Amino acid sequence: KMGNRNGATAAPAFNDQMVQDFAETTGMTELETRQHFTFWLRQHPDGKMNKKDLKEMMNKALPKFSEEESEKMENHIFRIYDKNQNGFIDFHEFMTVFMILTGEEPETVLERVFRIFDVDSNGTITREEMLILVTDMHKMIEDDLGNNSDEDMATNAFEEMDTDKDGLVTVDEFRQAVLSQKQFSKFLALKMFNIFG
């Protein structure tokens, strides 16, 4: 597709909120988490992890998982993301899956997913970030979006969510649109909740 140069090559990054969530779930301190992320990204400046790297990170991220559960999870994550079978998934993709897996209530899951795409932690998602979100989620689902391209899907979802039409989606608008079951927003949310069903 032409003209699809929207930051797909951006360097992997993490924000304070991701550090906080990760620390809370893993029992690591925020300092340990920050060091872990920084170290990991230093080891993998391109943000790509192979299965061995994933295993190490999964063990830290989900310490309560048994060896067998971790292995299932690793295989699942790789099956979802490694579409071209090159043996790598990237840091951003891993964090998306991690946040979805560790959320409890739908609202919490939505807030966490929202935060991942709000890398600059300014509390809003732009139209470009929405497209990245939809494209990332599209990798997680086998069936297609009917006649909607990822771009159409992102635009429709964005317009449903941006209730005050200021060109930005806040976490409340995001949550509200999904929970009030607006068509495209609900579709995205259902996909999110069913991925690991």
C-alpha atoms as a PDB file:
ATOM      1  CA  LYS A   1       0.000   0.000   0.000  1.00  0.00           C
ATOM      2  CA  MET A   2       1.393   3.404  -0.942  1.00  0.00           C
ATOM      3  CA  GLY A   3       1.986   6.194   1.518  1.00  0.00           C
ATOM      4  CA  ASN A   4       2.001   3.960   4.575  1.00  0.00           C
ATOM      5  CA  ARG A   5       5.095   5.467   6.132  1.00  0.00           C
ATOM      6  CA  ASN A   6       3.485   6.372   9.449  1.00  0.00           C
ATOM      7  CA  GLY A   7       6.235   5.889  12.033  1.00  0.00           C
ATOM      8  CA  ALA A   8       6.372   2.117  11.642  1.00  0.00           C
ATOM      9  CA  THR A   9      10.136   2.381  11.994  1.00  0.00           C
ATOM     10  CA  ALA A  10      10.022   4.435  15.203  1.00  0.00           C
ATOM     11  CA  ALA A  11      12.478   3.273  17.840  1.00  0.00           C
ATOM     12  CA  PRO A  12      10.858   1.174  20.568  1.00  0.00           C
ATOM     13  CA  ALA A  13      10.012   3.168  23.681  1.00  0.00           C
ATOM     14  CA  PHE A  14       8.265   2.856  27.028  1.00  0.00           C
ATOM     15  CA  ASN A  15       6.601   5.380  29.297  1.00  0.00           C
ATOM     16  CA  ASP A  16       6.151   5.800  33.069  1.00  0.00           C
ATOM     17  CA  GLN A  17       2.687   4.275  33.019  1.00  0.00           C
ATOM     18  CA  MET A  18       3.926   1.094  31.322  1.00  0.00           C
ATOM     19  CA  VAL A  19       6.704   0.860  33.911  1.00  0.00           C
ATOM     20  CA  GLN A  20       4.166   1.280  36.718  1.00  0.00           C
ATOM     21  CA  ASP A  21       1.773  -1.348  35.327  1.00  0.00           C
ATOM     22  CA  PHE A  22       4.562  -3.818  34.632  1.00  0.00           C
ATOM     23  CA  ALA A  23       6.042  -3.336  38.124  1.00  0.00           C
ATOM     24  CA  GLU A  24       2.622  -3.740  39.762  1.00  0.00           C
ATOM     25  CA  THR A  25       1.899  -6.983  37.921  1.00  0.00           C
ATOM     26  CA  THR A  26       5.335  -8.533  38.287  1.00  0.00           C
ATOM     27  CA  GLY A  27       6.148  -7.484  41.832  1.00  0.00           C
ATOM     28  CA  MET A  28       9.350  -5.820  40.587  1.00  0.00           C
ATOM     29  CA  THR A  29      10.046  -2.275  41.783  1.00  0.00           C
ATOM     30  CA  GLU A  30       9.616   0.550  39.284  1.00  0.00           C
ATOM     31  CA  LEU A  31      13.369   1.099  39.351  1.00  0.00           C
ATOM     32  CA  GLU A  32      14.015  -2.603  38.574  1.00  0.00           C
ATOM     33  CA  THR A  33      11.423  -2.501  35.805  1.00  0.00           C
ATOM     34  CA  ARG A  34      12.916   0.643  34.300  1.00  0.00           C
ATOM     35  CA  GLN A  35      16.399  -0.892  34.441  1.00  0.00           C
ATOM     36  CA  HIS A  36      15.054  -4.104  32.923  1.00  0.00           C
ATOM     37  CA  PHE A  37      13.362  -2.274  30.035  1.00  0.00           C
ATOM     38  CA  THR A  38      16.390  -0.055  29.445  1.00  0.00           C
ATOM     39  CA  PHE A  39      18.768  -3.019  29.558  1.00  0.00           C
ATOM     40  CA  TRP A  40      16.495  -5.029  27.253  1.00  0.00           C
ATOM     41  CA  LEU A  41      16.269  -2.220  24.718  1.00  0.00           C
ATOM     42  CA  ARG A  42      20.025  -1.730  24.897  1.00  0.00           C
ATOM     43  CA  GLN A  43      20.486  -5.441  24.115  1.00  0.00           C
ATOM     44  CA  HIS A  44      17.928  -5.179  21.310  1.00  0.00           C
ATOM     45  CA  PRO A  45      18.199  -1.639  19.915  1.00  0.00           C
ATOM     46  CA  ASP A  46      15.886  -2.563  17.058  1.00  0.00           C
ATOM     47  CA  GLY A  47      13.299  -3.747  19.621  1.00  0.00           C
ATOM     48  CA  LYS A  48      13.117  -7.280  18.230  1.00  0.00           C
ATOM     49  CA  MET A  49      13.049 -10.343  20.465  1.00  0.00           C
ATOM     50  CA  ASN A  50      13.484 -13.984  19.550  1.00  0.00           C
ATOM     51  CA  LYS A  51      11.923 -16.920  21.371  1.00  0.00           C
ATOM     52  CA  LYS A  52      14.755 -17.216  23.896  1.00  0.00           C
ATOM     53  CA  ASP A  53      14.492 -13.487  24.749  1.00  0.00           C
ATOM     54  CA  LEU A  54      10.731 -13.804  25.043  1.00  0.00           C
ATOM     55  CA  LYS A  55      11.088 -16.740  27.435  1.00  0.00           C
ATOM     56  CA  GLU A  56      13.368 -14.688  29.703  1.00  0.00           C
ATOM     57  CA  MET A  57      10.999 -11.727  29.667  1.00  0.00           C
ATOM     58  CA  MET A  58       7.912 -13.930  30.224  1.00  0.00           C
ATOM     59  CA  ASN A  59       9.545 -15.505  33.273  1.00  0.00           C
ATOM     60  CA  LYS A  60      10.032 -12.042  34.777  1.00  0.00           C
ATOM     61  CA  ALA A  61       6.696 -10.663  33.616  1.00  0.00           C
ATOM     62  CA  LEU A  62       4.551 -13.594  34.714  1.00  0.00           C
ATOM     63  CA  PRO A  63       6.421 -15.235  37.598  1.00  0.00           C
ATOM     64  CA  LYS A  64       3.332 -17.158  38.764  1.00  0.00           C
ATOM     65  CA  PHE A  65       3.075 -19.036  35.475  1.00  0.00           C
ATOM     66  CA  SER A  66       4.273 -22.635  35.479  1.00  0.00           C
ATOM     67  CA  GLU A  67       6.898 -23.720  32.942  1.00  0.00           C
ATOM     68  CA  GLU A  68       4.112 -25.317  30.898  1.00  0.00           C
ATOM     69  CA  GLU A  69       1.829 -22.261  31.030  1.00  0.00           C
ATOM     70  CA  SER A  70       4.717 -19.986  30.069  1.00  0.00           C
ATOM     71  CA  GLU A  71       5.556 -22.200  27.132  1.00  0.00           C
ATOM     72  CA  LYS A  72       1.943 -22.197  25.906  1.00  0.00           C
ATOM     73  CA  MET A  73       1.889 -18.428  26.236  1.00  0.00           C
ATOM     74  CA  GLU A  74       5.177 -18.035  24.337  1.00  0.00           C
ATOM     75  CA  ASN A  75       3.930 -20.256  21.523  1.00  0.00           C
ATOM     76  CA  HIS A  76       0.650 -18.365  21.452  1.00  0.00           C
ATOM     77  CA  ILE A  77       2.345 -14.978  21.299  1.00  0.00           C
ATOM     78  CA  PHE A  78       4.673 -16.154  18.564  1.00  0.00           C
ATOM     79  CA  ARG A  79       1.826 -17.713  16.601  1.00  0.00           C
ATOM     80  CA  ILE A  80      -0.093 -14.433  16.769  1.00  0.00           C
ATOM     81  CA  TYR A  81       2.738 -12.091  15.957  1.00  0.00           C
ATOM     82  CA  ASP A  82       5.347 -13.905  13.967  1.00  0.00           C
ATOM     83  CA  LYS A  83       3.221 -13.918  10.828  1.00  0.00           C
ATOM     84  CA  ASN A  84       6.174 -14.060   8.469  1.00  0.00           C
ATOM     85  CA  GLN A  85       7.754 -16.838  10.566  1.00  0.00           C
ATOM     86  CA  ASN A  86      11.055 -15.005  10.924  1.00  0.00           C
ATOM     87  CA  GLY A  87      11.398 -15.925  14.598  1.00  0.00           C
ATOM     88  CA  PHE A  88      11.033 -12.382  16.005  1.00  0.00           C
ATOM     89  CA  ILE A  89       8.384 -10.210  17.646  1.00  0.00           C
ATOM     90  CA  ASP A  90       8.986  -6.624  18.685  1.00  0.00           C
ATOM     91  CA  PHE A  91       8.926  -4.954  22.091  1.00  0.00           C
ATOM     92  CA  HIS A  92       5.809  -2.903  21.398  1.00  0.00           C
ATOM     93  CA  GLU A  93       3.893  -6.016  20.283  1.00  0.00           C
ATOM     94  CA  PHE A  94       5.016  -7.891  23.388  1.00  0.00           C
ATOM     95  CA  MET A  95       3.827  -5.084  25.666  1.00  0.00           C
ATOM     96  CA  THR A  96       0.433  -5.025  23.938  1.00  0.00           C
ATOM     97  CA  VAL A  97      -0.058  -8.718  24.594  1.00  0.00           C
ATOM     98  CA  PHE A  98       1.276  -8.422  28.131  1.00  0.00           C
ATOM     99  CA  MET A  99      -1.143  -5.625  29.023  1.00  0.00           C
ATOM    100  CA  ILE A 100      -4.124  -7.509  27.595  1.00  0.00           C
ATOM    101  CA  LEU A 101      -3.151 -10.716  29.399  1.00  0.00           C
ATOM    102  CA  THR A 102      -2.694  -9.133  32.797  1.00  0.00           C
ATOM    103  CA  GLY A 103      -5.783  -6.890  32.871  1.00  0.00           C
ATOM    104  CA  GLU A 104      -8.674  -7.898  35.129  1.00  0.00           C
ATOM    105  CA  GLU A 105     -11.819  -5.848  34.586  1.00  0.00           C
ATOM    106  CA  PRO A 106     -12.711  -4.766  31.034  1.00  0.00           C
ATOM    107  CA  GLU A 107     -12.235  -1.114  32.062  1.00  0.00           C
ATOM    108  CA  THR A 108      -8.769  -1.869  33.436  1.00  0.00           C
ATOM    109  CA  VAL A 109      -7.821  -3.751  30.287  1.00  0.00           C
ATOM    110  CA  LEU A 110      -9.045  -0.872  28.129  1.00  0.00           C
ATOM    111  CA  GLU A 111      -7.130   1.678  30.187  1.00  0.00           C
ATOM    112  CA  ARG A 112      -3.955  -0.375  29.933  1.00  0.00           C
ATOM    113  CA  VAL A 113      -4.305  -0.923  26.203  1.00  0.00           C
ATOM    114  CA  PHE A 114      -5.006   2.789  25.819  1.00  0.00           C
ATOM    115  CA  ARG A 115      -1.795   3.604  27.719  1.00  0.00           C
ATOM    116  CA  ILE A 116       0.401   1.463  25.502  1.00  0.00           C
ATOM    117  CA  PHE A 117      -0.486   3.509  22.448  1.00  0.00           C
ATOM    118  CA  ASP A 118      -0.220   6.756  24.365  1.00  0.00           C
ATOM    119  CA  VAL A 119       3.584   6.512  24.369  1.00  0.00           C
ATOM    120  CA  ASP A 120       4.079  10.204  25.104  1.00  0.00           C
ATOM    121  CA  SER A 121       1.774   9.808  28.165  1.00  0.00           C
ATOM    122  CA  ASN A 122      -0.222  12.912  27.298  1.00  0.00           C
ATOM    123  CA  GLY A 123      -3.571  11.195  27.929  1.00  0.00           C
ATOM    124  CA  THR A 124      -4.792  11.212  24.327  1.00  0.00           C
ATOM    125  CA  ILE A 125      -4.606   9.034  21.226  1.00  0.00           C
ATOM    126  CA  THR A 126      -4.147  10.743  17.869  1.00  0.00           C
ATOM    127  CA  ARG A 127      -5.562   9.479  14.583  1.00  0.00           C
ATOM    128  CA  GLU A 128      -2.089   8.117  13.704  1.00  0.00           C
ATOM    129  CA  GLU A 129      -1.832   6.243  17.006  1.00  0.00           C
ATOM    130  CA  MET A 130      -5.303   4.793  16.407  1.00  0.00           C
ATOM    131  CA  LEU A 131      -4.143   3.443  13.052  1.00  0.00           C
ATOM    132  CA  ILE A 132      -1.147   1.795  14.743  1.00  0.00           C
ATOM    133  CA  LEU A 133      -3.485   0.306  17.388  1.00  0.00           C
ATOM    134  CA  VAL A 134      -5.854  -1.099  14.764  1.00  0.00           C
ATOM    135  CA  THR A 135      -2.982  -2.439  12.652  1.00  0.00           C
ATOM    136  CA  ASP A 136      -1.422  -4.128  15.706  1.00  0.00           C
ATOM    137  CA  MET A 137      -4.753  -5.623  16.721  1.00  0.00           C
ATOM    138  CA  HIS A 138      -5.401  -6.793  13.178  1.00  0.00           C
ATOM    139  CA  LYS A 139      -2.385  -9.084  13.560  1.00  0.00           C
ATOM    140  CA  MET A 140      -4.102 -10.685  16.527  1.00  0.00           C
ATOM    141  CA  ILE A 141      -7.204 -11.758  14.657  1.00  0.00           C
ATOM    142  CA  GLU A 142      -7.465 -14.333  11.924  1.00  0.00           C
ATOM    143  CA  ASP A 143     -10.699 -13.169  10.304  1.00  0.00           C
ATOM    144  CA  ASP A 144     -10.706 -10.005   8.258  1.00  0.00           C
ATOM    145  CA  LEU A 145     -12.654  -6.831   8.875  1.00  0.00           C
ATOM    146  CA  GLY A 146     -15.233  -7.391   6.168  1.00  0.00           C
ATOM    147  CA  ASN A 147     -14.722  -4.722   3.520  1.00  0.00           C
ATOM    148  CA  ASN A 148     -12.895  -2.422   5.911  1.00  0.00           C
ATOM    149  CA  SER A 149      -9.185  -1.855   5.514  1.00  0.00           C
ATOM    150  CA  ASP A 150      -7.201  -1.205   8.688  1.00  0.00           C
ATOM    151  CA  GLU A 151      -7.236   2.452   7.712  1.00  0.00           C
ATOM    152  CA  ASP A 152     -11.055   2.538   7.354  1.00  0.00           C
ATOM    153  CA  MET A 153     -11.406   0.685  10.629  1.00  0.00           C
ATOM    154  CA  ALA A 154      -9.111   3.143  12.412  1.00  0.00           C
ATOM    155  CA  THR A 155     -10.906   6.165  10.937  1.00  0.00           C
ATOM    156  CA  ASN A 156     -14.365   4.807  11.826  1.00  0.00           C
ATOM    157  CA  ALA A 157     -13.321   3.857  15.356  1.00  0.00           C
ATOM    158  CA  PHE A 158     -11.578   7.203  15.830  1.00  0.00           C
ATOM    159  CA  GLU A 159     -14.650   9.131  14.703  1.00  0.00           C
ATOM    160  CA  GLU A 160     -16.909   7.116  17.037  1.00  0.00           C
ATOM    161  CA  MET A 161     -14.599   7.732  19.966  1.00  0.00           C
ATOM    162  CA  ASP A 162     -13.758  11.387  19.371  1.00  0.00           C
ATOM    163  CA  THR A 163     -17.091  12.596  20.718  1.00  0.00           C
ATOM    164  CA  ASP A 164     -16.032  16.227  21.158  1.00  0.00           C
ATOM    165  CA  LYS A 165     -14.472  16.223  17.664  1.00  0.00           C
ATOM    166  CA  ASP A 166     -11.209  17.833  18.801  1.00  0.00           C
ATOM    167  CA  GLY A 167      -9.071  15.386  16.822  1.00  0.00           C
ATOM    168  CA  LEU A 168      -7.921  13.536  19.962  1.00  0.00           C
ATOM    169  CA  VAL A 169      -9.339  10.588  21.904  1.00  0.00           C
ATOM    170  CA  THR A 170      -9.060  10.701  25.707  1.00  0.00           C
ATOM    171  CA  VAL A 171      -9.040   7.574  27.856  1.00  0.00           C
ATOM    172  CA  ASP A 172     -12.637   8.363  28.903  1.00  0.00           C
ATOM    173  CA  GLU A 173     -13.811   8.740  25.301  1.00  0.00           C
ATOM    174  CA  PHE A 174     -12.015   5.491  24.430  1.00  0.00           C
ATOM    175  CA  ARG A 175     -13.583   3.577  27.325  1.00  0.00           C
ATOM    176  CA  GLN A 176     -17.016   5.142  26.839  1.00  0.00           C
ATOM    177  CA  ALA A 177     -17.163   4.275  23.137  1.00  0.00           C
ATOM    178  CA  VAL A 178     -16.254   0.652  23.784  1.00  0.00           C
ATOM    179  CA  LEU A 179     -18.495   0.164  26.814  1.00  0.00           C
ATOM    180  CA  SER A 180     -21.480   1.828  25.123  1.00  0.00           C
ATOM    181  CA  GLN A 181     -20.923  -0.655  22.290  1.00  0.00           C
ATOM    182  CA  LYS A 182     -20.531   1.705  19.374  1.00  0.00           C
ATOM    183  CA  GLN A 183     -20.101  -0.482  16.301  1.00  0.00           C
ATOM    184  CA  PHE A 184     -16.390  -0.198  15.476  1.00  0.00           C
ATOM    185  CA  SER A 185     -15.268   0.460  19.043  1.00  0.00           C
ATOM    186  CA  LYS A 186     -17.171  -2.613  20.223  1.00  0.00           C
ATOM    187  CA  PHE A 187     -15.665  -4.694  17.418  1.00  0.00           C
ATOM    188  CA  LEU A 188     -12.148  -3.744  18.548  1.00  0.00           C
ATOM    189  CA  ALA A 189     -12.955  -4.398  22.203  1.00  0.00           C
ATOM    190  CA  LEU A 190     -14.561  -7.779  21.541  1.00  0.00           C
ATOM    191  CA  LYS A 191     -11.531  -8.795  19.540  1.00  0.00           C
ATOM    192  CA  MET A 192      -9.331  -7.692  22.410  1.00  0.00           C
ATOM    193  CA  PHE A 193     -11.309  -9.642  24.998  1.00  0.00           C
ATOM    194  CA  ASN A 194     -11.632 -12.773  22.864  1.00  0.00           C
ATOM    195  CA  ILE A 195      -8.049 -13.097  21.700  1.00  0.00           C
ATOM    196  CA  PHE A 196      -7.107 -15.322  24.609  1.00  0.00           C
ATOM    197  CA  GLY A 197     -10.566 -16.795  25.234  1.00  0.00           C
END
